[in-house]
Amino acid sequence: MLFLDDLLLFPITGFKFILRTLQRAAEQEYTDDAPLKERLLELQLSLENGEISEGEYERAEREILQQLREVQARRRELAGLPPEEQGPMTYSRE
């Protein structure tokens, strides 16, 4: 009887497994800041190579840093931590 129950419930448990796997993958992509950090490095190289002006760099840097803050906030939210105070995020170009 137990085997029959497992066979009957397999489509449901399999579907739940797929949904949990998709949820984990989506959360991981939603909280991945590596592409943003890579864009920031590429932006810095563009500035150093003279491909963009200082003003263009600062505008794009602000946007990327804002996106990084949002990713950090999503990570904290998913971890069940309280949101951080919204102070200015500093980043030094060396």
C-alpha atoms as a PDB file:
ATOM      1  CA  MET A   1       0.000   0.000   0.000  1.00  0.00           C
ATOM      2  CA  LEU A   2       2.838   2.401   0.827  1.00  0.00           C
ATOM      3  CA  PHE A   3       4.429   1.795  -2.572  1.00  0.00           C
ATOM      4  CA  LEU A   4       1.112   2.560  -4.278  1.00  0.00           C
ATOM      5  CA  ASP A   5       0.812   5.815  -2.301  1.00  0.00           C
ATOM      6  CA  ASP A   6       4.334   6.800  -3.392  1.00  0.00           C
ATOM      7  CA  LEU A   7       3.483   6.123  -7.035  1.00  0.00           C
ATOM      8  CA  LEU A   8       0.313   8.158  -6.836  1.00  0.00           C
ATOM      9  CA  LEU A   9       2.009  11.095  -5.104  1.00  0.00           C
ATOM     10  CA  PHE A  10       5.170  11.046  -7.247  1.00  0.00           C
ATOM     11  CA  PRO A  11       3.921  13.644  -9.762  1.00  0.00           C
ATOM     12  CA  ILE A  12       3.135  16.045  -6.933  1.00  0.00           C
ATOM     13  CA  THR A  13       6.396  15.520  -5.049  1.00  0.00           C
ATOM     14  CA  GLY A  14       8.368  15.735  -8.284  1.00  0.00           C
ATOM     15  CA  PHE A  15       6.671  19.002  -9.178  1.00  0.00           C
ATOM     16  CA  LYS A  16       7.407  20.394  -5.697  1.00  0.00           C
ATOM     17  CA  PHE A  17      11.068  19.426  -6.102  1.00  0.00           C
ATOM     18  CA  ILE A  18      11.249  21.237  -9.438  1.00  0.00           C
ATOM     19  CA  LEU A  19       9.627  24.354  -7.961  1.00  0.00           C
ATOM     20  CA  ARG A  20      12.035  24.398  -4.998  1.00  0.00           C
ATOM     21  CA  THR A  21      15.000  24.013  -7.355  1.00  0.00           C
ATOM     22  CA  LEU A  22      13.767  26.860  -9.549  1.00  0.00           C
ATOM     23  CA  GLN A  23      13.201  29.041  -6.495  1.00  0.00           C
ATOM     24  CA  ARG A  24      16.757  28.463  -5.250  1.00  0.00           C
ATOM     25  CA  ALA A  25      18.199  29.237  -8.689  1.00  0.00           C
ATOM     26  CA  ALA A  26      16.124  32.416  -8.964  1.00  0.00           C
ATOM     27  CA  GLU A  27      17.147  33.570  -5.487  1.00  0.00           C
ATOM     28  CA  GLN A  28      20.795  32.937  -6.285  1.00  0.00           C
ATOM     29  CA  GLU A  29      20.593  34.956  -9.500  1.00  0.00           C
ATOM     30  CA  TYR A  30      18.551  37.670  -7.780  1.00  0.00           C
ATOM     31  CA  THR A  31      21.246  38.136  -5.122  1.00  0.00           C
ATOM     32  CA  ASP A  32      24.362  37.700  -7.268  1.00  0.00           C
ATOM     33  CA  ASP A  33      26.461  40.848  -7.237  1.00  0.00           C
ATOM     34  CA  ALA A  34      29.373  39.491  -9.316  1.00  0.00           C
ATOM     35  CA  PRO A  35      28.080  40.909 -12.648  1.00  0.00           C
ATOM     36  CA  LEU A  36      27.694  44.345 -11.068  1.00  0.00           C
ATOM     37  CA  LYS A  37      31.205  44.261  -9.663  1.00  0.00           C
ATOM     38  CA  GLU A  38      32.483  43.201 -13.066  1.00  0.00           C
ATOM     39  CA  ARG A  39      30.649  46.118 -14.713  1.00  0.00           C
ATOM     40  CA  LEU A  40      32.208  48.469 -12.171  1.00  0.00           C
ATOM     41  CA  LEU A  41      35.691  47.199 -13.026  1.00  0.00           C
ATOM     42  CA  GLU A  42      35.006  47.521 -16.762  1.00  0.00           C
ATOM     43  CA  LEU A  43      33.781  51.050 -16.176  1.00  0.00           C
ATOM     44  CA  GLN A  44      36.939  51.906 -14.293  1.00  0.00           C
ATOM     45  CA  LEU A  45      39.067  50.510 -17.133  1.00  0.00           C
ATOM     46  CA  SER A  46      37.094  52.556 -19.645  1.00  0.00           C
ATOM     47  CA  LEU A  47      37.835  55.691 -17.634  1.00  0.00           C
ATOM     48  CA  GLU A  48      41.523  54.870 -17.356  1.00  0.00           C
ATOM     49  CA  ASN A  49      41.750  54.184 -21.103  1.00  0.00           C
ATOM     50  CA  GLY A  50      40.068  57.496 -21.894  1.00  0.00           C
ATOM     51  CA  GLU A  51      37.029  55.866 -23.504  1.00  0.00           C
ATOM     52  CA  ILE A  52      34.617  57.769 -21.241  1.00  0.00           C
ATOM     53  CA  SER A  53      34.730  61.093 -19.424  1.00  0.00           C
ATOM     54  CA  GLU A  54      34.848  61.602 -15.672  1.00  0.00           C
ATOM     55  CA  GLY A  55      31.211  62.749 -15.688  1.00  0.00           C
ATOM     56  CA  GLU A  56      30.044  59.663 -17.579  1.00  0.00           C
ATOM     57  CA  TYR A  57      32.001  57.504 -15.170  1.00  0.00           C
ATOM     58  CA  GLU A  58      30.456  59.114 -12.099  1.00  0.00           C
ATOM     59  CA  ARG A  59      26.917  58.792 -13.484  1.00  0.00           C
ATOM     60  CA  ALA A  60      27.374  55.118 -14.368  1.00  0.00           C
ATOM     61  CA  GLU A  61      29.153  54.428 -11.080  1.00  0.00           C
ATOM     62  CA  ARG A  62      26.215  55.873  -9.109  1.00  0.00           C
ATOM     63  CA  GLU A  63      23.796  53.595 -10.967  1.00  0.00           C
ATOM     64  CA  ILE A  64      25.913  50.489 -10.385  1.00  0.00           C
ATOM     65  CA  LEU A  65      26.435  51.298  -6.695  1.00  0.00           C
ATOM     66  CA  GLN A  66      22.678  51.781  -6.293  1.00  0.00           C
ATOM     67  CA  GLN A  67      22.101  48.366  -7.855  1.00  0.00           C
ATOM     68  CA  LEU A  68      24.706  46.862  -5.494  1.00  0.00           C
ATOM     69  CA  ARG A  69      22.831  48.366  -2.529  1.00  0.00           C
ATOM     70  CA  GLU A  70      19.608  46.805  -3.791  1.00  0.00           C
ATOM     71  CA  VAL A  71      21.267  43.386  -4.112  1.00  0.00           C
ATOM     72  CA  GLN A  72      22.656  43.677  -0.568  1.00  0.00           C
ATOM     73  CA  ALA A  73      19.196  44.621   0.713  1.00  0.00           C
ATOM     74  CA  ARG A  74      17.661  41.593  -1.040  1.00  0.00           C
ATOM     75  CA  ARG A  75      20.297  39.335   0.539  1.00  0.00           C
ATOM     76  CA  ARG A  76      19.517  40.703   3.983  1.00  0.00           C
ATOM     77  CA  GLU A  77      15.798  40.283   3.380  1.00  0.00           C
ATOM     78  CA  LEU A  78      16.178  36.668   2.252  1.00  0.00           C
ATOM     79  CA  ALA A  79      18.390  35.951   5.265  1.00  0.00           C
ATOM     80  CA  GLY A  80      15.716  37.385   7.552  1.00  0.00           C
ATOM     81  CA  LEU A  81      17.905  40.246   8.760  1.00  0.00           C
ATOM     82  CA  PRO A  82      16.646  43.774   9.383  1.00  0.00           C
ATOM     83  CA  PRO A  83      17.356  46.295   6.637  1.00  0.00           C
ATOM     84  CA  GLU A  84      20.484  48.398   6.999  1.00  0.00           C
ATOM     85  CA  GLU A  85      20.259  52.105   7.522  1.00  0.00           C
ATOM     86  CA  GLN A  86      20.471  53.893   4.191  1.00  0.00           C
ATOM     87  CA  GLY A  87      23.725  55.801   4.589  1.00  0.00           C
ATOM     88  CA  PRO A  88      25.964  56.864   1.741  1.00  0.00           C
ATOM     89  CA  MET A  89      27.831  53.939   0.234  1.00  0.00           C
ATOM     90  CA  THR A  90      31.457  54.785  -0.272  1.00  0.00           C
ATOM     91  CA  TYR A  91      33.734  53.358  -2.877  1.00  0.00           C
ATOM     92  CA  SER A  92      37.266  54.484  -3.420  1.00  0.00           C
ATOM     93  CA  ARG A  93      38.995  54.450  -6.781  1.00  0.00           C
ATOM     94  CA  GLU A  94      42.624  53.537  -6.324  1.00  0.00           C
END
